[in-house]
Amino acid sequence: MTYQPYYIIGKDRPSRWLITCDHAANTVPPCVGGGDLGIAEEDLARHIAYDVGAAGVTRHLSQLLDAPAILSNFSRLVIDPNRGEDDPTLIMRLYDGTVVPANRGVDETERARRLDVCYRPYHDALAEMAARQDHTVIVAMHSYTPQLKGRELRPWHIAVLHDRDSRLATPLIQRLRDEPDLCVGENEPYGGHLDGDSIDRHAVQTGRVNVLIEIRNDLIQTEAQQRDWAERLAPALMETLAKTGL
């Protein structure tokens, strides 16, 4: 079976929304270390390898919005699609206390190979999907760990990240904060922009309306939780977009 670095759900759905999930999978392609990065299975199941639960939220949200979605099919430890090609953290050798043996000796040849096998096909497909309509709105779905090793607990249930384009993000934050049971972060637990990252590349540089959503991953462990969050986000996104008139 031929390796596929991404999946598209609902390619022909008519909605102007496009849901992206850069860190959907912890897959290690056969051509990378024989499918083995040299880390323990429990590490491959952690946030260091992919955004736990984000793919499930993406699938449910795309259905509720009648929108296409594109999901990566390679671990962020193989190569991180949410980084620019020249970013020094594109291929991580150490992440949250875990050394990645298969990345220790990555040279320019191996880096270029991973770009060609995984990273560029994903971004080419994303660019094609984003360009299918003139008024595409990109929703980037991510998740984050409740606590990094040696760091404080992260209290936010959900966060919205933004920097250079806040047209949709700012009113969405307010809409979510109107829900009394939610602790909503803004540019938490980290900032909302990196030069060359997915939103910068496919939305900011092209002028497309966009928002990046992070959900704490202990809240989206099960399919039922993932569906519940999608059912909460879909009306919030639709109402916010309608009110802004974007």
Protein backbone atom coordinates (compact mmCIF):
# COMPACT_ATOMS: atom_id res chain seq x y z
CA MET A 1 0.00 0.00 0.00
CA THR A 2 1.40 3.39 -1.03
CA TYR A 3 2.04 5.81 1.81
CA GLN A 4 -0.27 8.84 1.80
CA PRO A 5 0.99 11.91 3.73
CA TYR A 6 -2.45 13.51 4.14
CA TYR A 7 -6.17 12.81 4.00
CA ILE A 8 -8.97 15.01 2.73
CA ILE A 9 -12.50 14.64 4.06
CA GLY A 10 -15.46 15.99 2.11
CA LYS A 11 -13.43 17.43 -0.72
CA ASP A 12 -16.52 18.54 -2.65
CA ARG A 13 -18.47 19.99 0.27
CA PRO A 14 -19.73 23.48 -0.61
CA SER A 15 -18.98 25.41 2.59
CA ARG A 16 -16.48 28.27 2.55
CA TRP A 17 -14.96 26.82 5.74
CA LEU A 18 -11.80 24.72 5.43
CA ILE A 19 -10.73 22.81 8.55
CA THR A 20 -7.05 21.93 8.82
CA CYS A 21 -5.32 19.61 11.26
CA ASP A 22 -1.55 19.90 10.92
CA HIS A 23 -0.77 17.47 13.74
CA ALA A 24 -3.52 14.91 13.17
CA ALA A 25 -1.47 11.70 13.33
CA ASN A 26 1.51 10.06 15.00
CA THR A 27 2.27 8.00 11.89
CA VAL A 28 5.92 7.31 11.08
CA PRO A 29 6.24 6.55 7.35
CA PRO A 30 8.05 3.31 6.43
CA CYS A 31 10.77 5.32 4.70
CA VAL A 32 11.71 7.05 7.99
CA GLY A 33 13.65 4.69 10.23
CA GLY A 34 11.69 1.77 8.88
CA GLY A 35 8.62 3.31 10.51
CA ASP A 36 10.34 3.70 13.87
CA LEU A 37 11.74 6.89 15.42
CA GLY A 38 13.39 4.94 18.23
CA ILE A 39 11.13 6.30 20.96
CA ALA A 40 8.86 4.36 23.32
CA GLU A 41 5.24 3.67 22.40
CA GLU A 42 4.08 5.79 25.32
CA ASP A 43 6.05 8.74 23.94
CA LEU A 44 4.59 8.20 20.49
CA ALA A 45 1.16 8.48 22.12
CA ARG A 46 2.02 11.81 23.77
CA HIS A 47 1.53 15.38 22.59
CA ILE A 48 5.14 15.43 21.39
CA ALA A 49 4.21 13.17 18.47
CA TYR A 50 0.82 14.63 17.47
CA ASP A 51 -2.10 16.74 18.71
CA VAL A 52 -4.07 14.23 20.74
CA GLY A 53 -7.80 14.36 19.95
CA ALA A 54 -7.54 17.11 17.34
CA ALA A 55 -8.25 14.83 14.38
CA GLY A 56 -11.52 13.64 15.91
CA VAL A 57 -12.69 17.19 16.58
CA THR A 58 -11.72 18.09 13.01
CA ARG A 59 -13.73 15.23 11.50
CA HIS A 60 -16.88 16.06 13.50
CA LEU A 61 -16.53 19.80 12.93
CA SER A 62 -16.14 19.39 9.19
CA GLN A 63 -19.34 17.38 9.08
CA LEU A 64 -21.28 19.92 11.15
CA LEU A 65 -20.07 22.81 8.98
CA ASP A 66 -20.53 20.77 5.78
CA ALA A 67 -16.92 21.71 5.08
CA PRO A 68 -13.86 19.93 3.73
CA ALA A 69 -11.01 19.10 6.05
CA ILE A 70 -7.38 18.22 5.44
CA LEU A 71 -5.44 16.17 7.99
CA SER A 72 -1.76 15.31 8.00
CA ASN A 73 -0.70 11.65 8.19
CA PHE A 74 2.79 11.96 9.67
CA SER A 75 4.07 12.67 13.15
CA ARG A 76 5.28 16.15 13.94
CA LEU A 77 8.48 14.38 15.10
CA VAL A 78 9.10 13.20 11.53
CA ILE A 79 8.79 16.78 10.31
CA ASP A 80 6.53 19.54 11.61
CA PRO A 81 4.11 20.89 9.02
CA ASN A 82 3.29 23.85 11.26
CA ARG A 83 6.78 25.28 10.84
CA GLY A 84 8.42 27.10 7.98
CA GLU A 85 10.89 25.13 5.90
CA ASP A 86 13.78 27.13 7.34
CA ASP A 87 12.62 26.89 10.97
CA PRO A 88 15.27 25.29 13.24
CA THR A 89 12.51 23.32 15.03
CA LEU A 90 11.28 21.74 11.79
CA ILE A 91 12.77 18.39 12.88
CA MET A 92 13.03 18.08 16.64
CA ARG A 93 15.83 16.10 18.27
CA LEU A 94 14.56 16.70 21.82
CA TYR A 95 10.99 17.50 22.83
CA ASP A 96 9.56 17.81 26.33
CA GLY A 97 12.25 15.60 27.83
CA THR A 98 12.25 12.93 25.11
CA VAL A 99 15.26 12.41 22.85
CA VAL A 100 14.33 11.28 19.31
CA PRO A 101 17.08 8.87 18.18
CA ALA A 102 16.01 8.79 14.52
CA ASN A 103 16.45 12.58 14.34
CA ARG A 104 19.90 12.82 15.87
CA GLY A 105 21.79 12.35 12.62
CA VAL A 106 19.40 14.09 10.22
CA ASP A 107 21.48 15.84 7.55
CA GLU A 108 20.42 18.06 4.66
CA THR A 109 19.76 15.07 2.42
CA GLU A 110 17.42 13.43 4.93
CA ARG A 111 15.78 16.75 5.72
CA ALA A 112 15.09 17.31 2.00
CA ARG A 113 13.71 13.79 1.67
CA ARG A 114 11.25 14.28 4.52
CA LEU A 115 10.19 17.60 3.01
CA ASP A 116 9.47 15.88 -0.31
CA VAL A 117 7.77 12.80 1.13
CA CYS A 118 5.61 14.42 3.83
CA TYR A 119 5.72 18.18 4.26
CA ARG A 120 5.42 19.53 0.72
CA PRO A 121 2.67 17.18 -0.49
CA TYR A 122 0.58 18.16 2.54
CA HIS A 123 1.07 21.88 1.98
CA ASP A 124 0.49 21.59 -1.77
CA ALA A 125 -2.83 19.86 -1.10
CA LEU A 126 -3.75 22.42 1.58
CA ALA A 127 -3.00 25.28 -0.82
CA GLU A 128 -5.19 23.66 -3.48
CA MET A 129 -8.08 23.21 -1.05
CA ALA A 130 -7.78 26.77 0.26
CA ALA A 131 -7.88 28.14 -3.28
CA ARG A 132 -11.06 26.29 -4.23
CA GLN A 133 -13.10 29.39 -3.33
CA ASP A 134 -12.28 33.09 -3.31
CA HIS A 135 -13.62 33.56 0.22
CA THR A 136 -12.29 30.48 2.05
CA VAL A 137 -12.18 30.70 5.85
CA ILE A 138 -9.49 28.54 7.43
CA VAL A 139 -9.98 26.98 10.87
CA ALA A 140 -6.79 25.37 12.14
CA MET A 141 -7.49 22.75 14.83
CA HIS A 142 -4.84 21.91 17.43
CA SER A 143 -4.60 20.56 20.95
CA TYR A 144 -2.12 21.04 23.78
CA THR A 145 -1.00 19.07 26.81
CA PRO A 146 -2.31 20.13 30.24
CA GLN A 147 1.26 20.34 31.54
CA LEU A 148 4.79 20.24 30.18
CA LYS A 149 7.36 18.46 32.32
CA GLY A 150 8.47 20.70 35.17
CA ARG A 151 6.00 23.44 34.21
CA GLU A 152 2.80 24.79 35.73
CA LEU A 153 -0.61 23.34 34.94
CA ARG A 154 -2.41 25.03 32.07
CA PRO A 155 -5.89 26.10 33.22
CA TRP A 156 -7.50 27.00 29.89
CA HIS A 157 -10.06 24.63 28.42
CA ILE A 158 -9.70 26.19 24.98
CA ALA A 159 -7.60 28.95 23.48
CA VAL A 160 -7.63 31.03 20.33
CA LEU A 161 -4.30 32.06 18.85
CA HIS A 162 -3.75 35.04 16.58
CA ASP A 163 -1.27 37.75 15.75
CA ARG A 164 -1.33 39.54 12.41
CA ASP A 165 -4.98 38.84 11.62
CA SER A 166 -7.53 39.07 14.45
CA ARG A 167 -10.66 39.69 12.38
CA LEU A 168 -12.29 36.40 13.34
CA ALA A 169 -10.19 35.47 16.37
CA THR A 170 -11.07 38.42 18.61
CA PRO A 171 -14.86 38.17 18.28
CA LEU A 172 -14.67 34.37 18.60
CA ILE A 173 -12.79 34.73 21.89
CA GLN A 174 -15.55 36.98 23.19
CA ARG A 175 -18.23 34.56 21.97
CA LEU A 176 -16.56 31.66 23.79
CA ARG A 177 -16.04 33.72 26.95
CA ASP A 178 -19.78 34.31 27.04
CA GLU A 179 -20.10 30.62 27.97
CA PRO A 180 -19.74 30.58 31.78
CA ASP A 181 -18.25 27.11 32.06
CA LEU A 182 -15.28 27.82 29.80
CA CYS A 183 -11.85 29.13 30.71
CA VAL A 184 -10.74 30.67 27.43
CA GLY A 185 -7.16 31.64 26.67
CA GLU A 186 -5.95 34.21 24.17
CA ASN A 187 -2.55 33.38 22.69
CA GLU A 188 -2.14 30.73 25.38
CA PRO A 189 -0.27 28.58 26.19
CA TYR A 190 1.98 30.16 23.54
CA GLY A 191 1.87 32.94 20.99
CA GLY A 192 -0.16 32.88 17.85
CA HIS A 193 2.27 33.42 15.01
CA LEU A 194 5.44 31.98 13.53
CA ASP A 195 6.81 33.14 10.20
CA GLY A 196 6.11 30.44 7.64
CA ASP A 197 3.72 28.42 9.79
CA SER A 198 0.52 27.05 8.24
CA ILE A 199 -1.74 29.99 9.05
CA ASP A 200 0.91 32.47 7.96
CA ARG A 201 1.48 30.63 4.70
CA HIS A 202 -2.08 29.79 3.69
CA ALA A 203 -4.11 32.57 5.33
CA VAL A 204 -2.17 35.63 6.48
CA GLN A 205 -0.02 35.94 3.36
CA THR A 206 -3.04 35.39 1.12
CA GLY A 207 -5.48 37.59 3.05
CA ARG A 208 -7.86 34.75 3.94
CA VAL A 209 -10.02 34.97 7.05
CA ASN A 210 -8.71 32.51 9.61
CA VAL A 211 -8.62 31.33 13.19
CA LEU A 212 -6.43 28.87 15.10
CA ILE A 213 -8.11 26.94 17.90
CA GLU A 214 -6.34 24.96 20.63
CA ILE A 215 -8.19 22.57 22.97
CA ARG A 216 -6.59 21.05 26.06
CA ASN A 217 -6.09 17.44 25.10
CA ASP A 218 -7.35 15.82 28.30
CA LEU A 219 -10.77 17.19 27.34
CA ILE A 220 -10.87 15.45 23.94
CA GLN A 221 -9.59 11.96 24.71
CA THR A 222 -12.73 10.12 23.60
CA GLU A 223 -14.85 10.31 20.49
CA ALA A 224 -17.79 11.48 22.57
CA GLN A 225 -15.71 14.38 23.95
CA GLN A 226 -14.48 15.22 20.47
CA ARG A 227 -18.03 15.30 19.16
CA ASP A 228 -19.19 17.44 22.09
CA TRP A 229 -16.49 20.02 21.42
CA ALA A 230 -17.26 20.09 17.71
CA GLU A 231 -20.94 20.62 18.53
CA ARG A 232 -19.96 23.53 20.76
CA LEU A 233 -17.57 25.08 18.25
CA ALA A 234 -19.70 24.82 15.10
CA PRO A 235 -22.43 27.28 16.18
CA ALA A 236 -19.87 29.58 17.78
CA LEU A 237 -17.92 29.76 14.52
CA MET A 238 -21.00 30.26 12.35
CA GLU A 239 -22.50 32.92 14.62
CA THR A 240 -19.21 34.80 14.88
CA LEU A 241 -18.58 34.78 11.15
CA ALA A 242 -22.10 35.99 10.48
CA LYS A 243 -21.83 38.84 12.99
CA THR A 244 -18.52 40.05 11.61
CA GLY A 245 -19.78 40.12 8.05
CA LEU A 246 -16.43 38.85 6.86
